[in-house]
C-alpha atoms as a PDB file:
ATOM      1  CA  GLU A   1       0.000   0.000   0.000  1.00  0.00           C
ATOM      2  CA  GLN A   2       2.857   2.411   0.781  1.00  0.00           C
ATOM      3  CA  TYR A   3       4.064   2.168  -2.843  1.00  0.00           C
ATOM      4  CA  VAL A   4       0.763   3.178  -4.508  1.00  0.00           C
ATOM      5  CA  THR A   5      -1.358   6.336  -4.308  1.00  0.00           C
ATOM      6  CA  VAL A   6      -3.864   6.239  -1.435  1.00  0.00           C
ATOM      7  CA  GLU A   7      -6.846   8.567  -1.852  1.00  0.00           C
ATOM      8  CA  PRO A   8      -8.986   9.041   1.302  1.00  0.00           C
ATOM      9  CA  VAL A   9     -12.688   9.368   0.465  1.00  0.00           C
ATOM     10  CA  ALA A  10     -15.777  10.068   2.556  1.00  0.00           C
ATOM     11  CA  THR A  11     -18.460   8.509   0.355  1.00  0.00           C
ATOM     12  CA  ARG A  12     -19.070   4.965  -0.901  1.00  0.00           C
ATOM     13  CA  SER A  13     -18.836   5.987  -4.541  1.00  0.00           C
ATOM     14  CA  GLY A  14     -17.735   8.937  -6.595  1.00  0.00           C
ATOM     15  CA  SER A  15     -15.001  10.050  -8.945  1.00  0.00           C
ATOM     16  CA  ARG A  16     -11.746  11.950  -9.030  1.00  0.00           C
ATOM     17  CA  MET A  17     -10.162  14.006 -11.795  1.00  0.00           C
ATOM     18  CA  LEU A  18      -6.574  12.913 -12.386  1.00  0.00           C
ATOM     19  CA  GLU A  19      -4.122  14.578 -14.737  1.00  0.00           C
ATOM     20  CA  LYS A  20      -2.985  12.391 -17.607  1.00  0.00           C
ATOM     21  CA  ASN A  21       0.649  12.139 -18.563  1.00  0.00           C
ATOM     22  CA  GLY A  22       0.941  13.739 -21.980  1.00  0.00           C
ATOM     23  CA  ASP A  23       3.266  15.677 -24.209  1.00  0.00           C
ATOM     24  CA  MET A  24       3.964  19.136 -22.760  1.00  0.00           C
ATOM     25  CA  THR A  25       4.075  21.826 -25.437  1.00  0.00           C
ATOM     26  CA  PRO A  26       6.322  24.834 -24.854  1.00  0.00           C
ATOM     27  CA  PHE A  27       5.176  28.440 -24.564  1.00  0.00           C
ATOM     28  CA  LEU A  28       5.161  30.417 -27.790  1.00  0.00           C
ATOM     29  CA  ASP A  29       7.431  33.415 -28.195  1.00  0.00           C
ATOM     30  CA  ILE A  30       5.791  36.834 -28.534  1.00  0.00           C
ATOM     31  CA  GLU A  31       6.844  40.152 -29.983  1.00  0.00           C
ATOM     32  CA  GLU A  32       7.399  43.107 -27.667  1.00  0.00           C
ATOM     33  CA  MET A  33       3.963  44.478 -26.712  1.00  0.00           C
ATOM     34  CA  GLY A  34       2.461  41.585 -28.660  1.00  0.00           C
ATOM     35  CA  GLU A  35      -0.682  39.712 -27.707  1.00  0.00           C
ATOM     36  CA  ILE A  36      -0.142  36.626 -25.568  1.00  0.00           C
ATOM     37  CA  PRO A  37      -1.746  33.571 -27.226  1.00  0.00           C
ATOM     38  CA  GLU A  38      -3.754  30.998 -25.311  1.00  0.00           C
ATOM     39  CA  THR A  39      -1.813  27.980 -24.167  1.00  0.00           C
ATOM     40  CA  ASP A  40      -2.947  24.355 -24.218  1.00  0.00           C
ATOM     41  CA  GLN A  41      -4.897  22.971 -21.256  1.00  0.00           C
ATOM     42  CA  PRO A  42      -3.882  20.314 -18.729  1.00  0.00           C
ATOM     43  CA  LYS A  43      -5.388  16.976 -19.756  1.00  0.00           C
ATOM     44  CA  PHE A  44      -7.521  15.258 -17.134  1.00  0.00           C
ATOM     45  CA  THR A  45      -9.252  11.908 -16.990  1.00  0.00           C
ATOM     46  CA  LYS A  46     -12.197  10.962 -14.789  1.00  0.00           C
ATOM     47  CA  LEU A  47     -11.587   7.959 -12.544  1.00  0.00           C
ATOM     48  CA  SER A  48     -14.671   6.544 -10.837  1.00  0.00           C
ATOM     49  CA  TYR A  49     -14.573   4.473  -7.675  1.00  0.00           C
ATOM     50  CA  SER A  50     -16.996   2.305  -5.717  1.00  0.00           C
ATOM     51  CA  ILE A  51     -16.173   1.160  -2.198  1.00  0.00           C
ATOM     52  CA  THR A  52     -16.555  -2.562  -1.559  1.00  0.00           C
ATOM     53  CA  ASP A  53     -16.955  -4.107   1.886  1.00  0.00           C
ATOM     54  CA  TYR A  54     -14.724  -6.996   2.952  1.00  0.00           C
ATOM     55  CA  ALA A  55     -15.325  -9.009   6.109  1.00  0.00           C
ATOM     56  CA  GLY A  56     -14.744 -12.279   7.916  1.00  0.00           C
ATOM     57  CA  LEU A  57     -16.393 -14.114  10.841  1.00  0.00           C
ATOM     58  CA  LEU A  58     -14.214 -15.774  13.488  1.00  0.00           C
ATOM     59  CA  PRO A  59     -15.861 -18.054  16.106  1.00  0.00           C
ATOM     60  CA  LEU A  60     -14.105 -18.294  19.508  1.00  0.00           C
ATOM     61  CA  SER A  61     -14.791 -20.677  22.352  1.00  0.00           C
ATOM     62  CA  ASN A  62     -16.450 -18.943  25.343  1.00  0.00           C
ATOM     63  CA  THR A  63     -14.600 -21.286  27.662  1.00  0.00           C
ATOM     64  CA  LEU A  64     -11.294 -20.186  26.196  1.00  0.00           C
ATOM     65  CA  LEU A  65     -12.292 -16.519  26.410  1.00  0.00           C
ATOM     66  CA  GLN A  66     -13.247 -16.872  30.077  1.00  0.00           C
ATOM     67  CA  ASP A  67      -9.745 -18.134  30.827  1.00  0.00           C
ATOM     68  CA  THR A  68      -7.728 -15.596  28.816  1.00  0.00           C
ATOM     69  CA  ASP A  69     -10.218 -12.978  27.617  1.00  0.00           C
ATOM     70  CA  GLN A  70      -7.930  -9.950  27.220  1.00  0.00           C
ATOM     71  CA  ALA A  71      -4.984 -11.764  25.673  1.00  0.00           C
ATOM     72  CA  ILE A  72      -7.132 -13.579  23.103  1.00  0.00           C
ATOM     73  CA  MET A  73      -9.043 -10.484  21.975  1.00  0.00           C
ATOM     74  CA  THR A  74      -5.812  -8.479  21.666  1.00  0.00           C
ATOM     75  CA  TYR A  75      -4.337 -11.238  19.513  1.00  0.00           C
ATOM     76  CA  VAL A  76      -7.479 -11.400  17.361  1.00  0.00           C
ATOM     77  CA  ALA A  77      -7.404  -7.623  16.817  1.00  0.00           C
ATOM     78  CA  LYS A  78      -3.796  -7.835  15.573  1.00  0.00           C
ATOM     79  CA  TRP A  79      -4.710 -10.841  13.413  1.00  0.00           C
ATOM     80  CA  PHE A  80      -7.522  -8.882  11.726  1.00  0.00           C
ATOM     81  CA  VAL A  81      -5.078  -6.056  10.955  1.00  0.00           C
ATOM     82  CA  LYS A  82      -2.859  -8.579   9.153  1.00  0.00           C
ATOM     83  CA  LYS A  83      -5.907  -9.819   7.233  1.00  0.00           C
ATOM     84  CA  SER A  84      -6.657  -6.235   6.176  1.00  0.00           C
ATOM     85  CA  VAL A  85      -3.114  -5.778   4.874  1.00  0.00           C
ATOM     86  CA  ALA A  86      -3.314  -9.089   2.995  1.00  0.00           C
ATOM     87  CA  THR A  87      -6.619  -8.012   1.429  1.00  0.00           C
ATOM     88  CA  ARG A  88      -5.212  -4.699   0.205  1.00  0.00           C
ATOM     89  CA  ASN A  89      -2.078  -6.404  -1.124  1.00  0.00           C
ATOM     90  CA  SER A  90      -4.192  -8.880  -3.111  1.00  0.00           C
ATOM     91  CA  LEU A  91      -6.242  -6.068  -4.685  1.00  0.00           C
ATOM     92  CA  ILE A  92      -3.137  -4.080  -5.663  1.00  0.00           C
ATOM     93  CA  LEU A  93      -1.311  -7.111  -7.053  1.00  0.00           C
ATOM     94  CA  ALA A  94      -4.393  -8.162  -9.026  1.00  0.00           C
ATOM     95  CA  ILE A  95      -4.302  -4.831 -10.886  1.00  0.00           C
ATOM     96  CA  LEU A  96      -0.581  -5.133 -11.561  1.00  0.00           C
ATOM     97  CA  ASP A  97      -1.008  -8.747 -12.691  1.00  0.00           C
ATOM     98  CA  GLY A  98      -3.554  -7.564 -15.256  1.00  0.00           C
ATOM     99  CA  LEU A  99      -1.080  -5.273 -16.991  1.00  0.00           C
ATOM    100  CA  LYS A 100       0.757  -6.336 -20.139  1.00  0.00           C
ATOM    101  CA  LYS A 101       3.818  -8.455 -19.346  1.00  0.00           C
ATOM    102  CA  VAL A 102       7.174  -8.677 -21.091  1.00  0.00           C
ATOM    103  CA  GLU A 103       9.956 -11.154 -20.503  1.00  0.00           C
ATOM    104  CA  PHE A 104      13.170  -9.875 -18.941  1.00  0.00           C
ATOM    105  CA  LYS A 105      15.995 -12.089 -20.154  1.00  0.00           C
ATOM    106  CA  GLY A 106      18.624 -10.205 -18.163  1.00  0.00           C
ATOM    107  CA  LEU A 107      19.723  -6.933 -16.666  1.00  0.00           C
ATOM    108  CA  ASP A 108      19.913  -5.220 -20.051  1.00  0.00           C
ATOM    109  CA  ASP A 109      16.143  -5.574 -20.415  1.00  0.00           C
ATOM    110  CA  ILE A 110      15.584  -3.946 -17.016  1.00  0.00           C
ATOM    111  CA  LYS A 111      17.987  -1.154 -17.937  1.00  0.00           C
ATOM    112  CA  LYS A 112      16.176  -0.612 -21.284  1.00  0.00           C
ATOM    113  CA  THR A 113      12.873  -0.357 -19.424  1.00  0.00           C
ATOM    114  CA  LEU A 114      14.278   2.371 -17.185  1.00  0.00           C
ATOM    115  CA  ASN A 115      16.040   4.172 -20.043  1.00  0.00           C
ATOM    116  CA  VAL A 116      13.531   3.914 -22.894  1.00  0.00           C
ATOM    117  CA  THR A 117      10.220   2.190 -22.135  1.00  0.00           C
ATOM    118  CA  LEU A 118       9.295   4.419 -19.200  1.00  0.00           C
ATOM    119  CA  ASP A 119       8.941   8.162 -19.584  1.00  0.00           C
ATOM    120  CA  THR A 120      11.862   9.918 -17.894  1.00  0.00           C
ATOM    121  CA  ALA A 121       9.547  11.468 -15.293  1.00  0.00           C
ATOM    122  CA  ILE A 122       8.216   8.004 -14.395  1.00  0.00           C
ATOM    123  CA  SER A 123      11.643   6.358 -14.503  1.00  0.00           C
ATOM    124  CA  ALA A 124      13.064   8.901 -12.050  1.00  0.00           C
ATOM    125  CA  GLY A 125      10.614   7.771  -9.370  1.00  0.00           C
ATOM    126  CA  ALA A 126      10.620   4.103 -10.313  1.00  0.00           C
ATOM    127  CA  ILE A 127      11.259   1.173  -8.028  1.00  0.00           C
ATOM    128  CA  ILE A 128      12.208  -2.392  -8.889  1.00  0.00           C
ATOM    129  CA  MET A 129       9.838  -4.720  -7.057  1.00  0.00           C
ATOM    130  CA  THR A 130      10.368  -8.464  -6.998  1.00  0.00           C
ATOM    131  CA  ASN A 131       9.904 -11.452  -4.732  1.00  0.00           C
ATOM    132  CA  GLN A 132      12.461 -13.364  -2.686  1.00  0.00           C
ATOM    133  CA  ASP A 133      13.423 -15.551  -5.653  1.00  0.00           C
ATOM    134  CA  GLY A 134      13.961 -12.533  -7.901  1.00  0.00           C
ATOM    135  CA  PHE A 135      15.950 -10.723  -5.237  1.00  0.00           C
ATOM    136  CA  ASN A 136      18.130 -13.780  -4.646  1.00  0.00           C
ATOM    137  CA  TYR A 137      18.958 -13.824  -8.371  1.00  0.00           C
ATOM    138  CA  LEU A 138      19.753 -10.116  -8.508  1.00  0.00           C
ATOM    139  CA  ASP A 139      21.707 -10.209  -5.248  1.00  0.00           C
ATOM    140  CA  GLN A 140      24.158 -12.753  -6.652  1.00  0.00           C
ATOM    141  CA  LEU A 141      24.995 -10.899  -9.860  1.00  0.00           C
ATOM    142  CA  LYS A 142      28.557  -9.543 -10.122  1.00  0.00           C
ATOM    143  CA  ASP A 143      30.409  -7.297 -12.545  1.00  0.00           C
ATOM    144  CA  ALA A 144      33.619  -8.171 -14.382  1.00  0.00           C
ATOM    145  CA  ASP A 145      35.643  -7.265 -11.280  1.00  0.00           C
ATOM    146  CA  GLY A 146      33.658  -9.606  -9.065  1.00  0.00           C
ATOM    147  CA  LYS A 147      31.746  -6.836  -7.292  1.00  0.00           C
ATOM    148  CA  TYR A 148      28.076  -7.326  -6.567  1.00  0.00           C
ATOM    149  CA  LEU A 149      25.791  -5.224  -8.772  1.00  0.00           C
ATOM    150  CA  LEU A 150      23.252  -4.492  -6.043  1.00  0.00           C
ATOM    151  CA  LYS A 151      24.433  -1.564  -3.950  1.00  0.00           C
ATOM    152  CA  ASP A 152      23.570  -0.568  -0.405  1.00  0.00           C
ATOM    153  CA  ILE A 153      21.387   2.496   0.058  1.00  0.00           C
ATOM    154  CA  PRO A 154      23.811   4.713   2.038  1.00  0.00           C
ATOM    155  CA  SER A 155      21.302   5.724   4.719  1.00  0.00           C
ATOM    156  CA  GLU A 156      19.707   2.256   4.813  1.00  0.00           C
ATOM    157  CA  PRO A 157      22.455  -0.382   4.782  1.00  0.00           C
ATOM    158  CA  THR A 158      19.973  -3.289   4.937  1.00  0.00           C
ATOM    159  CA  ASN A 159      18.203  -2.135   1.732  1.00  0.00           C
ATOM    160  CA  LYS A 160      19.534  -2.366  -1.814  1.00  0.00           C
ATOM    161  CA  MET A 161      19.319  -0.467  -5.074  1.00  0.00           C
ATOM    162  CA  LEU A 162      19.945  -1.366  -8.719  1.00  0.00           C
ATOM    163  CA  PHE A 163      20.762   1.267 -11.354  1.00  0.00           C
ATOM    164  CA  GLY A 164      20.049   3.885  -8.681  1.00  0.00           C
ATOM    165  CA  ARG A 165      16.515   2.597  -8.019  1.00  0.00           C
ATOM    166  CA  ARG A 166      15.294   1.039  -4.782  1.00  0.00           C
ATOM    167  CA  VAL A 167      14.801  -2.718  -4.882  1.00  0.00           C
ATOM    168  CA  VAL A 168      11.648  -3.699  -2.984  1.00  0.00           C
ATOM    169  CA  VAL A 169      11.410  -7.327  -1.876  1.00  0.00           C
ATOM    170  CA  ILE A 170       7.987  -8.945  -1.394  1.00  0.00           C
ATOM    171  CA  SER A 171       7.465 -12.352   0.208  1.00  0.00           C
ATOM    172  CA  ASN A 172       7.212 -15.339  -2.134  1.00  0.00           C
ATOM    173  CA  LYS A 173       3.899 -16.123  -0.423  1.00  0.00           C
ATOM    174  CA  VAL A 174       2.438 -12.808  -1.609  1.00  0.00           C
ATOM    175  CA  LEU A 175       4.199 -12.275  -4.964  1.00  0.00           C
ATOM    176  CA  LYS A 176       4.557 -15.761  -6.373  1.00  0.00           C
ATOM    177  CA  THR A 177       7.088 -17.255  -8.761  1.00  0.00           C
ATOM    178  CA  LYS A 178       5.240 -18.921 -11.645  1.00  0.00           C
ATOM    179  CA  ALA A 179       6.597 -21.573 -14.009  1.00  0.00           C
ATOM    180  CA  GLY A 180      10.102 -20.954 -12.706  1.00  0.00           C
ATOM    181  CA  LYS A 181       9.991 -17.230 -13.506  1.00  0.00           C
ATOM    182  CA  ALA A 182      10.260 -14.619 -10.771  1.00  0.00           C
ATOM    183  CA  PRO A 183       8.100 -11.494 -11.195  1.00  0.00           C
ATOM    184  CA  VAL A 184       9.856  -8.135 -11.601  1.00  0.00           C
ATOM    185  CA  ILE A 185       7.777  -4.951 -11.559  1.00  0.00           C
ATOM    186  CA  VAL A 186       9.582  -1.824 -12.769  1.00  0.00           C
ATOM    187  CA  GLY A 187       7.971   1.593 -12.518  1.00  0.00           C
ATOM    188  CA  ASP A 188       6.420   4.217 -10.277  1.00  0.00           C
ATOM    189  CA  LEU A 189       3.442   2.431  -8.729  1.00  0.00           C
ATOM    190  CA  LYS A 190       2.030   5.712  -7.413  1.00  0.00           C
ATOM    191  CA  GLU A 191       1.401   6.609 -11.056  1.00  0.00           C
ATOM    192  CA  ALA A 192      -0.120   3.206 -11.821  1.00  0.00           C
ATOM    193  CA  VAL A 193      -2.516   2.397  -8.973  1.00  0.00           C
ATOM    194  CA  VAL A 194      -4.917   4.461  -6.855  1.00  0.00           C
ATOM    195  CA  LEU A 195      -6.394   2.888  -3.702  1.00  0.00           C
ATOM    196  CA  PHE A 196      -9.589   4.632  -2.620  1.00  0.00           C
ATOM    197  CA  ASP A 197      -9.842   4.254   1.151  1.00  0.00           C
ATOM    198  CA  ARG A 198     -12.952   5.156   3.138  1.00  0.00           C
ATOM    199  CA  GLN A 199     -10.920   4.517   6.314  1.00  0.00           C
ATOM    200  CA  GLN A 200     -13.703   2.645   8.061  1.00  0.00           C
ATOM    201  CA  GLN A 201     -12.482  -0.529   9.713  1.00  0.00           C
ATOM    202  CA  SER A 202     -14.153  -2.067  12.726  1.00  0.00           C
ATOM    203  CA  ILE A 203     -14.144  -5.175  14.892  1.00  0.00           C
ATOM    204  CA  ASP A 204     -17.354  -6.244  16.622  1.00  0.00           C
ATOM    205  CA  TYR A 205     -18.483  -9.378  18.425  1.00  0.00           C
ATOM    206  CA  THR A 206     -21.540 -11.175  19.764  1.00  0.00           C
ATOM    207  CA  ASN A 207     -22.180 -14.154  22.036  1.00  0.00           C
ATOM    208  CA  LEU A 208     -25.941 -14.194  21.416  1.00  0.00           C
ATOM    209  CA  ALA A 209     -26.641 -13.768  17.683  1.00  0.00           C
ATOM    210  CA  ALA A 210     -25.443 -15.599  14.557  1.00  0.00           C
ATOM    211  CA  GLY A 211     -25.739 -18.974  16.284  1.00  0.00           C
ATOM    212  CA  SER A 212     -23.316 -18.032  19.059  1.00  0.00           C
ATOM    213  CA  PHE A 213     -25.669 -18.800  21.954  1.00  0.00           C
ATOM    214  CA  GLU A 214     -26.459 -22.315  20.695  1.00  0.00           C
ATOM    215  CA  THR A 215     -22.778 -23.205  20.252  1.00  0.00           C
ATOM    216  CA  ASN A 216     -21.398 -21.433  23.347  1.00  0.00           C
ATOM    217  CA  THR A 217     -19.130 -19.299  21.222  1.00  0.00           C
ATOM    218  CA  THR A 218     -18.353 -15.641  20.695  1.00  0.00           C
ATOM    219  CA  LYS A 219     -18.258 -14.652  17.041  1.00  0.00           C
ATOM    220  CA  VAL A 220     -15.899 -11.805  16.118  1.00  0.00           C
END
């Protein structure tokens, strides 16, 4: 989520006007005391959104809760936060997975993507996202002098960069290797994905409704 654009919204549906990346034409020159001509307009596109609810029901034994009520509910609250993160990750990755794919046969293809395929404005803010398998491959590459190609980020010695761009590593469980090929996502994800967030998350429970009373459970 931290790598895409997050747009807080207050309603369940609506739209936002976003500026499209396009060719920027220069100002025209004018004669002294000459009339200033109209310039071209920024180009906008309308992006509609519709908030969808996601939820899950977790039954807990009342006997267990009576023994360790506070500890169990605290654990469950943290567990639901992890589920929320996993849900958002799956939605973001589903959009990225739907984009056109190309095969990277080596580092030259990644370099060409940064140099040519992406607009310079996008390339400047690009990251290189991959999973553990992809990172393991990149992390073992060396130049002719035997020096590793991945470099430490000076202020963050545990993080790496390639061609001056941050390398972001995602768990294999989340970003999967398919048919022996590790995924590599190159670009500025804030320009690719917008997450509309109504910022309404809640945890509630009952020990009477939803069949809880009959089964002596509390459903969260």
